[in-house]
Every structure is written in C-alpha cells, then in structure tokens.
All heavy atoms as atom14 arrays in JSON, in Angstrom:
{
  "sequence": "AEGEVVINPTPGQEANVRARAANWAEARTRDIADSKGPAVTKDGLAV",
  "atom14_mask": [
    [1, 1, 1, 1, 1, 0, 0, 0, 0, 0, 0, 0, 0, 0],
    [1, 1, 1, 1, 1, 1, 1, 1, 1, 0, 0, 0, 0, 0],
    [1, 1, 1, 1, 0, 0, 0, 0, 0, 0, 0, 0, 0, 0],
    [1, 1, 1, 1, 1, 1, 1, 1, 1, 0, 0, 0, 0, 0],
    [1, 1, 1, 1, 1, 1, 1, 0, 0, 0, 0, 0, 0, 0],
    [1, 1, 1, 1, 1, 1, 1, 0, 0, 0, 0, 0, 0, 0],
    [1, 1, 1, 1, 1, 1, 1, 1, 0, 0, 0, 0, 0, 0],
    [1, 1, 1, 1, 1, 1, 1, 1, 0, 0, 0, 0, 0, 0],
    [1, 1, 1, 1, 1, 1, 1, 0, 0, 0, 0, 0, 0, 0],
    [1, 1, 1, 1, 1, 1, 1, 0, 0, 0, 0, 0, 0, 0],
    [1, 1, 1, 1, 1, 1, 1, 0, 0, 0, 0, 0, 0, 0],
    [1, 1, 1, 1, 0, 0, 0, 0, 0, 0, 0, 0, 0, 0],
    [1, 1, 1, 1, 1, 1, 1, 1, 1, 0, 0, 0, 0, 0],
    [1, 1, 1, 1, 1, 1, 1, 1, 1, 0, 0, 0, 0, 0],
    [1, 1, 1, 1, 1, 0, 0, 0, 0, 0, 0, 0, 0, 0],
    [1, 1, 1, 1, 1, 1, 1, 1, 0, 0, 0, 0, 0, 0],
    [1, 1, 1, 1, 1, 1, 1, 0, 0, 0, 0, 0, 0, 0],
    [1, 1, 1, 1, 1, 1, 1, 1, 1, 1, 1, 0, 0, 0],
    [1, 1, 1, 1, 1, 0, 0, 0, 0, 0, 0, 0, 0, 0],
    [1, 1, 1, 1, 1, 1, 1, 1, 1, 1, 1, 0, 0, 0],
    [1, 1, 1, 1, 1, 0, 0, 0, 0, 0, 0, 0, 0, 0],
    [1, 1, 1, 1, 1, 0, 0, 0, 0, 0, 0, 0, 0, 0],
    [1, 1, 1, 1, 1, 1, 1, 1, 0, 0, 0, 0, 0, 0],
    [1, 1, 1, 1, 1, 1, 1, 1, 1, 1, 1, 1, 1, 1],
    [1, 1, 1, 1, 1, 0, 0, 0, 0, 0, 0, 0, 0, 0],
    [1, 1, 1, 1, 1, 1, 1, 1, 1, 0, 0, 0, 0, 0],
    [1, 1, 1, 1, 1, 0, 0, 0, 0, 0, 0, 0, 0, 0],
    [1, 1, 1, 1, 1, 1, 1, 1, 1, 1, 1, 0, 0, 0],
    [1, 1, 1, 1, 1, 1, 1, 0, 0, 0, 0, 0, 0, 0],
    [1, 1, 1, 1, 1, 1, 1, 1, 1, 1, 1, 0, 0, 0],
    [1, 1, 1, 1, 1, 1, 1, 1, 0, 0, 0, 0, 0, 0],
    [1, 1, 1, 1, 1, 1, 1, 1, 0, 0, 0, 0, 0, 0],
    [1, 1, 1, 1, 1, 0, 0, 0, 0, 0, 0, 0, 0, 0],
    [1, 1, 1, 1, 1, 1, 1, 1, 0, 0, 0, 0, 0, 0],
    [1, 1, 1, 1, 1, 1, 0, 0, 0, 0, 0, 0, 0, 0],
    [1, 1, 1, 1, 1, 1, 1, 1, 1, 0, 0, 0, 0, 0],
    [1, 1, 1, 1, 0, 0, 0, 0, 0, 0, 0, 0, 0, 0],
    [1, 1, 1, 1, 1, 1, 1, 0, 0, 0, 0, 0, 0, 0],
    [1, 1, 1, 1, 1, 0, 0, 0, 0, 0, 0, 0, 0, 0],
    [1, 1, 1, 1, 1, 1, 1, 0, 0, 0, 0, 0, 0, 0],
    [1, 1, 1, 1, 1, 1, 1, 0, 0, 0, 0, 0, 0, 0],
    [1, 1, 1, 1, 1, 1, 1, 1, 1, 0, 0, 0, 0, 0],
    [1, 1, 1, 1, 1, 1, 1, 1, 0, 0, 0, 0, 0, 0],
    [1, 1, 1, 1, 0, 0, 0, 0, 0, 0, 0, 0, 0, 0],
    [1, 1, 1, 1, 1, 1, 1, 1, 0, 0, 0, 0, 0, 0],
    [1, 1, 1, 1, 1, 0, 0, 0, 0, 0, 0, 0, 0, 0],
    [1, 1, 1, 1, 1, 1, 1, 0, 0, 0, 0, 0, 0, 0]
  ],
  "atom14_positions": [
    [[-32.3, 67.57, 139.57], [-31.59, 68.02, 140.84], [-31.71, 69.56, 140.93], [-31.75, 70.07, 142.05], [-30.14, 67.5, 140.74], [0.0, 0.0, 0.0], [0.0, 0.0, 0.0], [0.0, 0.0, 0.0], [0.0, 0.0, 0.0], [0.0, 0.0, 0.0], [0.0, 0.0, 0.0], [0.0, 0.0, 0.0], [0.0, 0.0, 0.0], [0.0, 0.0, 0.0]],
    [[-31.57, 70.24, 139.83], [-31.61, 71.74, 139.85], [-32.97, 72.34, 139.63], [-33.13, 73.51, 139.85], [-30.58, 72.25, 138.85], [-29.16, 71.83, 139.04], [-28.62, 72.42, 140.35], [-28.95, 73.59, 140.65], [-27.85, 71.75, 140.96], [0.0, 0.0, 0.0], [0.0, 0.0, 0.0], [0.0, 0.0, 0.0], [0.0, 0.0, 0.0], [0.0, 0.0, 0.0]],
    [[-33.97, 71.49, 139.24], [-35.25, 72.06, 138.9], [-35.28, 72.88, 137.65], [-36.1, 73.73, 137.49], [0.0, 0.0, 0.0], [0.0, 0.0, 0.0], [0.0, 0.0, 0.0], [0.0, 0.0, 0.0], [0.0, 0.0, 0.0], [0.0, 0.0, 0.0], [0.0, 0.0, 0.0], [0.0, 0.0, 0.0], [0.0, 0.0, 0.0], [0.0, 0.0, 0.0]],
    [[-34.32, 72.5, 136.73], [-34.16, 73.32, 135.44], [-34.92, 72.59, 134.29], [-34.79, 71.45, 134.15], [-32.72, 73.45, 135.2], [-32.42, 74.23, 133.95], [-30.94, 74.3, 133.58], [-30.12, 73.69, 134.28], [-30.59, 74.93, 132.66], [0.0, 0.0, 0.0], [0.0, 0.0, 0.0], [0.0, 0.0, 0.0], [0.0, 0.0, 0.0], [0.0, 0.0, 0.0]],
    [[-35.68, 73.38, 133.57], [-36.34, 72.86, 132.36], [-36.01, 73.79, 131.18], [-36.21, 75.1, 131.3], [-37.85, 72.75, 132.55], [-38.54, 72.36, 131.25], [-38.23, 71.94, 133.74], [0.0, 0.0, 0.0], [0.0, 0.0, 0.0], [0.0, 0.0, 0.0], [0.0, 0.0, 0.0], [0.0, 0.0, 0.0], [0.0, 0.0, 0.0], [0.0, 0.0, 0.0]],
    [[-35.48, 73.32, 130.08], [-35.18, 74.05, 128.94], [-35.82, 73.48, 127.74], [-35.72, 72.28, 127.45], [-33.64, 74.18, 128.69], [-33.34, 75.05, 127.48], [-32.99, 74.68, 129.93], [0.0, 0.0, 0.0], [0.0, 0.0, 0.0], [0.0, 0.0, 0.0], [0.0, 0.0, 0.0], [0.0, 0.0, 0.0], [0.0, 0.0, 0.0], [0.0, 0.0, 0.0]],
    [[-36.59, 74.29, 126.98], [-37.25, 73.81, 125.75], [-36.34, 74.04, 124.54], [-35.84, 75.12, 124.43], [-38.66, 74.51, 125.57], [-39.52, 74.35, 126.87], [-39.33, 73.96, 124.32], [-39.78, 73.02, 127.32], [0.0, 0.0, 0.0], [0.0, 0.0, 0.0], [0.0, 0.0, 0.0], [0.0, 0.0, 0.0], [0.0, 0.0, 0.0], [0.0, 0.0, 0.0]],
    [[-36.18, 73.06, 123.71], [-35.25, 73.14, 122.61], [-33.86, 73.73, 122.97], [-33.5, 74.78, 122.6], [-35.94, 73.87, 121.51], [-37.2, 73.2, 120.91], [-37.24, 72.05, 120.78], [-38.24, 74.03, 120.77], [0.0, 0.0, 0.0], [0.0, 0.0, 0.0], [0.0, 0.0, 0.0], [0.0, 0.0, 0.0], [0.0, 0.0, 0.0], [0.0, 0.0, 0.0]],
    [[-33.21, 72.94, 123.79], [-31.87, 73.46, 124.37], [-30.82, 73.59, 123.24], [-30.89, 72.86, 122.24], [-31.56, 72.39, 125.41], [-32.15, 71.09, 124.92], [-33.49, 71.59, 124.23], [0.0, 0.0, 0.0], [0.0, 0.0, 0.0], [0.0, 0.0, 0.0], [0.0, 0.0, 0.0], [0.0, 0.0, 0.0], [0.0, 0.0, 0.0], [0.0, 0.0, 0.0]],
    [[-29.88, 74.46, 123.53], [-28.71, 74.64, 122.56], [-27.76, 73.44, 122.97], [-27.89, 72.81, 124.04], [-27.97, 75.94, 122.89], [-27.44, 75.9, 124.19], [-28.9, 77.14, 122.66], [0.0, 0.0, 0.0], [0.0, 0.0, 0.0], [0.0, 0.0, 0.0], [0.0, 0.0, 0.0], [0.0, 0.0, 0.0], [0.0, 0.0, 0.0], [0.0, 0.0, 0.0]],
    [[-26.77, 73.19, 122.07], [-25.87, 72.12, 122.34], [-25.03, 72.42, 123.58], [-24.77, 71.56, 124.37], [-24.91, 72.08, 121.13], [-25.77, 72.64, 120.03], [-26.7, 73.61, 120.63], [0.0, 0.0, 0.0], [0.0, 0.0, 0.0], [0.0, 0.0, 0.0], [0.0, 0.0, 0.0], [0.0, 0.0, 0.0], [0.0, 0.0, 0.0], [0.0, 0.0, 0.0]],
    [[-24.81, 73.62, 123.89], [-24.03, 74.09, 125.1], [-24.82, 73.83, 126.35], [-24.34, 73.27, 127.33], [0.0, 0.0, 0.0], [0.0, 0.0, 0.0], [0.0, 0.0, 0.0], [0.0, 0.0, 0.0], [0.0, 0.0, 0.0], [0.0, 0.0, 0.0], [0.0, 0.0, 0.0], [0.0, 0.0, 0.0], [0.0, 0.0, 0.0], [0.0, 0.0, 0.0]],
    [[-26.15, 74.12, 126.32], [-27.03, 73.85, 127.46], [-27.12, 72.29, 127.74], [-26.99, 71.82, 128.8], [-28.37, 74.36, 127.26], [-28.47, 75.87, 127.34], [-29.79, 76.38, 126.87], [-30.41, 75.94, 125.82], [-30.41, 77.37, 127.61], [0.0, 0.0, 0.0], [0.0, 0.0, 0.0], [0.0, 0.0, 0.0], [0.0, 0.0, 0.0], [0.0, 0.0, 0.0]],
    [[-27.2, 71.57, 126.64], [-27.28, 70.12, 126.75], [-26.02, 69.56, 127.29], [-25.95, 68.63, 128.27], [-27.63, 69.49, 125.4], [-28.07, 68.15, 125.45], [-28.73, 67.59, 124.15], [-29.29, 68.44, 123.4], [-28.55, 66.38, 123.96], [0.0, 0.0, 0.0], [0.0, 0.0, 0.0], [0.0, 0.0, 0.0], [0.0, 0.0, 0.0], [0.0, 0.0, 0.0]],
    [[-24.86, 69.99, 126.8], [-23.57, 69.5, 127.32], [-23.39, 69.83, 128.77], [-22.87, 69.03, 129.6], [-22.44, 70.12, 126.52], [0.0, 0.0, 0.0], [0.0, 0.0, 0.0], [0.0, 0.0, 0.0], [0.0, 0.0, 0.0], [0.0, 0.0, 0.0], [0.0, 0.0, 0.0], [0.0, 0.0, 0.0], [0.0, 0.0, 0.0], [0.0, 0.0, 0.0]],
    [[-23.85, 71.03, 129.17], [-23.71, 71.4, 130.65], [-24.53, 70.5, 131.52], [-24.06, 70.02, 132.58], [-24.24, 72.82, 130.84], [-24.0, 73.41, 132.22], [-23.45, 72.73, 133.1], [-24.58, 74.63, 132.41], [0.0, 0.0, 0.0], [0.0, 0.0, 0.0], [0.0, 0.0, 0.0], [0.0, 0.0, 0.0], [0.0, 0.0, 0.0], [0.0, 0.0, 0.0]],
    [[-25.77, 70.18, 131.18], [-26.61, 69.33, 131.94], [-26.08, 67.87, 131.96], [-26.04, 67.23, 132.94], [-28.09, 69.4, 131.45], [-28.97, 68.21, 132.15], [-28.62, 70.71, 131.88], [0.0, 0.0, 0.0], [0.0, 0.0, 0.0], [0.0, 0.0, 0.0], [0.0, 0.0, 0.0], [0.0, 0.0, 0.0], [0.0, 0.0, 0.0], [0.0, 0.0, 0.0]],
    [[-25.56, 67.41, 130.78], [-24.93, 66.08, 130.71], [-23.81, 65.99, 131.68], [-23.59, 64.97, 132.33], [-24.6, 65.73, 129.34], [-25.81, 65.41, 128.4], [-25.35, 64.88, 127.08], [-26.47, 64.74, 126.18], [-27.36, 63.77, 126.11], [-27.29, 62.85, 127.06], [-28.39, 63.77, 125.29], [0.0, 0.0, 0.0], [0.0, 0.0, 0.0], [0.0, 0.0, 0.0]],
    [[-22.92, 66.98, 131.75], [-21.79, 67.07, 132.65], [-22.15, 67.0, 134.05], [-21.63, 66.18, 134.86], [-20.9, 68.18, 132.32], [0.0, 0.0, 0.0], [0.0, 0.0, 0.0], [0.0, 0.0, 0.0], [0.0, 0.0, 0.0], [0.0, 0.0, 0.0], [0.0, 0.0, 0.0], [0.0, 0.0, 0.0], [0.0, 0.0, 0.0], [0.0, 0.0, 0.0]],
    [[-23.22, 67.69, 134.35], [-23.81, 67.73, 135.8], [-24.26, 66.32, 136.13], [-24.13, 65.79, 137.18], [-24.87, 68.74, 136.04], [-24.27, 70.14, 136.01], [-25.23, 71.18, 136.6], [-26.56, 71.15, 136.09], [-27.18, 72.12, 135.33], [-26.56, 73.23, 135.09], [-28.39, 72.0, 135.05], [0.0, 0.0, 0.0], [0.0, 0.0, 0.0], [0.0, 0.0, 0.0]],
    [[-25.0, 65.68, 135.14], [-25.57, 64.35, 135.37], [-24.48, 63.33, 135.56], [-24.51, 62.47, 136.47], [-26.43, 63.97, 134.21], [0.0, 0.0, 0.0], [0.0, 0.0, 0.0], [0.0, 0.0, 0.0], [0.0, 0.0, 0.0], [0.0, 0.0, 0.0], [0.0, 0.0, 0.0], [0.0, 0.0, 0.0], [0.0, 0.0, 0.0], [0.0, 0.0, 0.0]],
    [[-23.38, 63.44, 134.87], [-22.2, 62.5, 134.98], [-21.62, 62.7, 136.38], [-21.22, 61.69, 137.03], [-21.23, 62.73, 133.83], [0.0, 0.0, 0.0], [0.0, 0.0, 0.0], [0.0, 0.0, 0.0], [0.0, 0.0, 0.0], [0.0, 0.0, 0.0], [0.0, 0.0, 0.0], [0.0, 0.0, 0.0], [0.0, 0.0, 0.0], [0.0, 0.0, 0.0]],
    [[-21.42, 63.93, 136.83], [-20.8, 64.2, 138.17], [-21.77, 63.65, 139.25], [-21.28, 63.08, 140.23], [-20.68, 65.76, 138.4], [-19.53, 66.26, 137.52], [-18.66, 65.55, 137.12], [-19.56, 67.51, 137.26], [0.0, 0.0, 0.0], [0.0, 0.0, 0.0], [0.0, 0.0, 0.0], [0.0, 0.0, 0.0], [0.0, 0.0, 0.0], [0.0, 0.0, 0.0]],
    [[-23.13, 63.83, 139.05], [-24.09, 63.27, 139.97], [-23.98, 61.82, 140.07], [-24.01, 61.1, 141.14], [-25.45, 63.72, 139.64], [-26.57, 63.24, 140.58], [-26.89, 63.81, 141.75], [-27.27, 62.01, 140.42], [-27.87, 63.04, 142.33], [-28.16, 61.9, 141.55], [-27.38, 60.94, 139.44], [-29.0, 60.87, 141.77], [-28.23, 59.99, 139.64], [-29.07, 59.85, 140.79]],
    [[-23.89, 61.15, 138.94], [-23.83, 59.63, 138.86], [-22.53, 59.19, 139.56], [-22.54, 58.18, 140.3], [-23.92, 59.16, 137.42], [0.0, 0.0, 0.0], [0.0, 0.0, 0.0], [0.0, 0.0, 0.0], [0.0, 0.0, 0.0], [0.0, 0.0, 0.0], [0.0, 0.0, 0.0], [0.0, 0.0, 0.0], [0.0, 0.0, 0.0], [0.0, 0.0, 0.0]],
    [[-21.44, 59.83, 139.37], [-20.18, 59.5, 140.05], [-20.33, 59.61, 141.54], [-19.87, 58.77, 142.35], [-19.07, 60.32, 139.57], [-18.55, 59.96, 138.18], [-17.47, 60.96, 137.62], [-16.88, 61.68, 138.41], [-17.37, 60.98, 136.42], [0.0, 0.0, 0.0], [0.0, 0.0, 0.0], [0.0, 0.0, 0.0], [0.0, 0.0, 0.0], [0.0, 0.0, 0.0]],
    [[-20.9, 60.73, 141.99], [-21.08, 60.93, 143.4], [-22.06, 59.86, 144.01], [-21.83, 59.38, 145.15], [-21.64, 62.39, 143.66], [0.0, 0.0, 0.0], [0.0, 0.0, 0.0], [0.0, 0.0, 0.0], [0.0, 0.0, 0.0], [0.0, 0.0, 0.0], [0.0, 0.0, 0.0], [0.0, 0.0, 0.0], [0.0, 0.0, 0.0], [0.0, 0.0, 0.0]],
    [[-23.05, 59.52, 143.3], [-24.02, 58.55, 143.77], [-23.3, 57.18, 143.88], [-23.56, 56.44, 144.85], [-25.22, 58.46, 142.81], [-26.26, 57.53, 143.28], [-27.53, 57.6, 142.41], [-28.59, 56.86, 143.03], [-28.89, 55.59, 142.73], [-28.02, 54.95, 141.84], [-29.88, 54.9, 143.26], [0.0, 0.0, 0.0], [0.0, 0.0, 0.0], [0.0, 0.0, 0.0]],
    [[-22.49, 56.82, 142.88], [-21.74, 55.55, 142.99], [-20.82, 55.53, 144.2], [-20.73, 54.52, 144.94], [-20.9, 55.34, 141.75], [-21.84, 55.34, 140.62], [-20.1, 54.11, 141.72], [0.0, 0.0, 0.0], [0.0, 0.0, 0.0], [0.0, 0.0, 0.0], [0.0, 0.0, 0.0], [0.0, 0.0, 0.0], [0.0, 0.0, 0.0], [0.0, 0.0, 0.0]],
    [[-20.14, 56.59, 144.47], [-19.3, 56.78, 145.71], [-20.15, 56.6, 146.94], [-19.72, 55.91, 147.87], [-18.59, 58.04, 145.68], [-17.3, 58.11, 144.8], [-16.46, 59.34, 145.09], [-17.18, 60.61, 145.15], [-17.49, 61.34, 144.07], [-16.97, 60.98, 142.89], [-18.13, 62.49, 144.15], [0.0, 0.0, 0.0], [0.0, 0.0, 0.0], [0.0, 0.0, 0.0]],
    [[-21.28, 57.21, 147.05], [-22.15, 57.19, 148.16], [-22.58, 55.78, 148.44], [-22.63, 55.3, 149.61], [-23.38, 58.13, 148.04], [-23.0, 59.58, 148.16], [-21.85, 59.91, 148.52], [-23.85, 60.46, 147.74], [0.0, 0.0, 0.0], [0.0, 0.0, 0.0], [0.0, 0.0, 0.0], [0.0, 0.0, 0.0], [0.0, 0.0, 0.0], [0.0, 0.0, 0.0]],
    [[-22.97, 55.07, 147.36], [-23.41, 53.78, 147.53], [-22.23, 52.82, 148.04], [-22.45, 52.04, 148.97], [-24.02, 53.15, 146.2], [-25.38, 53.79, 145.89], [-24.16, 51.65, 146.27], [-25.91, 53.55, 144.49], [0.0, 0.0, 0.0], [0.0, 0.0, 0.0], [0.0, 0.0, 0.0], [0.0, 0.0, 0.0], [0.0, 0.0, 0.0], [0.0, 0.0, 0.0]],
    [[-21.08, 52.98, 147.51], [-19.95, 52.26, 147.94], [-19.6, 52.51, 149.36], [-19.22, 51.6, 150.13], [-18.7, 52.54, 147.06], [0.0, 0.0, 0.0], [0.0, 0.0, 0.0], [0.0, 0.0, 0.0], [0.0, 0.0, 0.0], [0.0, 0.0, 0.0], [0.0, 0.0, 0.0], [0.0, 0.0, 0.0], [0.0, 0.0, 0.0], [0.0, 0.0, 0.0]],
    [[-19.87, 53.74, 149.84], [-19.56, 54.17, 151.19], [-20.61, 53.73, 152.21], [-20.46, 53.89, 153.38], [-19.31, 55.65, 151.34], [-18.03, 56.1, 150.67], [-17.16, 55.3, 150.39], [-18.02, 57.34, 150.38], [0.0, 0.0, 0.0], [0.0, 0.0, 0.0], [0.0, 0.0, 0.0], [0.0, 0.0, 0.0], [0.0, 0.0, 0.0], [0.0, 0.0, 0.0]],
    [[-21.74, 53.19, 151.66], [-22.81, 52.84, 152.58], [-22.89, 51.42, 153.06], [-23.88, 50.98, 153.61], [-24.19, 53.17, 151.86], [-24.35, 52.22, 150.8], [0.0, 0.0, 0.0], [0.0, 0.0, 0.0], [0.0, 0.0, 0.0], [0.0, 0.0, 0.0], [0.0, 0.0, 0.0], [0.0, 0.0, 0.0], [0.0, 0.0, 0.0], [0.0, 0.0, 0.0]],
    [[-21.82, 50.74, 152.89], [-21.69, 49.41, 153.42], [-21.59, 49.33, 154.94], [-21.06, 50.2, 155.53], [-20.53, 48.63, 152.77], [-20.5, 48.66, 151.27], [-21.51, 47.78, 150.68], [-21.39, 47.63, 149.2], [-22.52, 48.11, 148.51], [0.0, 0.0, 0.0], [0.0, 0.0, 0.0], [0.0, 0.0, 0.0], [0.0, 0.0, 0.0], [0.0, 0.0, 0.0]],
    [[-22.11, 48.21, 155.5], [-21.97, 48.07, 156.95], [-23.05, 48.82, 157.69], [-23.98, 49.43, 157.15], [0.0, 0.0, 0.0], [0.0, 0.0, 0.0], [0.0, 0.0, 0.0], [0.0, 0.0, 0.0], [0.0, 0.0, 0.0], [0.0, 0.0, 0.0], [0.0, 0.0, 0.0], [0.0, 0.0, 0.0], [0.0, 0.0, 0.0], [0.0, 0.0, 0.0]],
    [[-23.0, 48.68, 159.07], [-24.11, 49.26, 159.85], [-24.03, 50.89, 159.8], [-23.06, 51.47, 159.64], [-23.77, 48.85, 161.27], [-22.29, 48.43, 161.28], [-21.98, 48.09, 159.8], [0.0, 0.0, 0.0], [0.0, 0.0, 0.0], [0.0, 0.0, 0.0], [0.0, 0.0, 0.0], [0.0, 0.0, 0.0], [0.0, 0.0, 0.0], [0.0, 0.0, 0.0]],
    [[-25.28, 51.44, 159.97], [-25.44, 52.85, 159.96], [-25.15, 53.32, 161.37], [-25.94, 52.98, 162.31], [-26.71, 53.24, 159.38], [0.0, 0.0, 0.0], [0.0, 0.0, 0.0], [0.0, 0.0, 0.0], [0.0, 0.0, 0.0], [0.0, 0.0, 0.0], [0.0, 0.0, 0.0], [0.0, 0.0, 0.0], [0.0, 0.0, 0.0], [0.0, 0.0, 0.0]],
    [[-24.14, 54.19, 161.59], [-23.8, 54.73, 162.91], [-23.48, 56.2, 162.83], [-22.75, 56.6, 161.88], [-22.59, 53.87, 163.45], [-22.18, 54.48, 164.85], [-22.81, 52.48, 163.51], [0.0, 0.0, 0.0], [0.0, 0.0, 0.0], [0.0, 0.0, 0.0], [0.0, 0.0, 0.0], [0.0, 0.0, 0.0], [0.0, 0.0, 0.0], [0.0, 0.0, 0.0]],
    [[-24.06, 56.93, 163.63], [-23.79, 58.4, 163.62], [-22.37, 58.6, 164.22], [-21.66, 57.7, 164.73], [-24.78, 59.16, 164.6], [-24.63, 58.68, 165.91], [-26.16, 58.94, 164.12], [0.0, 0.0, 0.0], [0.0, 0.0, 0.0], [0.0, 0.0, 0.0], [0.0, 0.0, 0.0], [0.0, 0.0, 0.0], [0.0, 0.0, 0.0], [0.0, 0.0, 0.0]],
    [[-21.82, 59.82, 164.04], [-20.45, 60.14, 164.48], [-20.31, 59.88, 165.98], [-19.11, 59.6, 166.45], [-20.15, 61.54, 164.14], [-19.91, 61.75, 162.68], [-19.48, 63.22, 162.31], [-19.24, 63.32, 160.82], [-18.83, 64.65, 160.39], [0.0, 0.0, 0.0], [0.0, 0.0, 0.0], [0.0, 0.0, 0.0], [0.0, 0.0, 0.0], [0.0, 0.0, 0.0]],
    [[-21.34, 60.07, 166.71], [-21.29, 59.87, 168.23], [-21.61, 58.39, 168.61], [-21.73, 58.17, 169.83], [-22.13, 60.88, 168.92], [-23.53, 60.8, 168.66], [-23.99, 59.91, 167.83], [-24.38, 61.42, 169.25], [0.0, 0.0, 0.0], [0.0, 0.0, 0.0], [0.0, 0.0, 0.0], [0.0, 0.0, 0.0], [0.0, 0.0, 0.0], [0.0, 0.0, 0.0]],
    [[-21.68, 57.48, 167.65], [-21.75, 56.06, 167.96], [-23.14, 55.5, 168.09], [-23.35, 54.36, 168.44], [0.0, 0.0, 0.0], [0.0, 0.0, 0.0], [0.0, 0.0, 0.0], [0.0, 0.0, 0.0], [0.0, 0.0, 0.0], [0.0, 0.0, 0.0], [0.0, 0.0, 0.0], [0.0, 0.0, 0.0], [0.0, 0.0, 0.0], [0.0, 0.0, 0.0]],
    [[-24.18, 56.25, 167.76], [-25.57, 55.84, 167.81], [-25.91, 54.96, 166.6], [-25.79, 55.47, 165.52], [-26.53, 56.99, 168.0], [-28.03, 56.74, 168.12], [-28.3, 56.03, 169.4], [-28.79, 57.94, 167.98], [0.0, 0.0, 0.0], [0.0, 0.0, 0.0], [0.0, 0.0, 0.0], [0.0, 0.0, 0.0], [0.0, 0.0, 0.0], [0.0, 0.0, 0.0]],
    [[-26.29, 53.78, 166.84], [-26.72, 52.94, 165.72], [-28.09, 53.34, 165.2], [-28.99, 53.64, 165.99], [-26.77, 51.42, 166.15], [0.0, 0.0, 0.0], [0.0, 0.0, 0.0], [0.0, 0.0, 0.0], [0.0, 0.0, 0.0], [0.0, 0.0, 0.0], [0.0, 0.0, 0.0], [0.0, 0.0, 0.0], [0.0, 0.0, 0.0], [0.0, 0.0, 0.0]],
    [[-28.22, 53.32, 163.92], [-29.51, 53.75, 163.24], [-30.06, 52.65, 162.34], [-29.22, 52.15, 161.5], [-29.28, 55.06, 162.39], [-30.6, 55.5, 161.67], [-28.72, 56.18, 163.26], [0.0, 0.0, 0.0], [0.0, 0.0, 0.0], [0.0, 0.0, 0.0], [0.0, 0.0, 0.0], [0.0, 0.0, 0.0], [0.0, 0.0, 0.0], [0.0, 0.0, 0.0]]
  ]
}
C-alpha cells in the first residue's frame, strides 16, 4: 500500500508495518460489509 521495502527490518519497523496491515484489513472488512445492495451514486445514479 505504501510502496515500502525494507531489507532485514528491525523489530520496530516490522511492528509498524504489521499494525498498518491490521488497520488496512479492518478497513477492508468494513468496506466489504458496506458494499451490500445496489451500487448507487449520491445523486441516485445506478452503477
């Protein structure tokens, strides 16, 4: 997601990326849950 590559990361760098991955997974789960039903724009156009 960030385009970041670290060779032989420190424990802190690894923990930081793991935390970002967990946040991303939670957001993705919410997005999937919110994607039920027909796709409609705010102005009512069906997509």
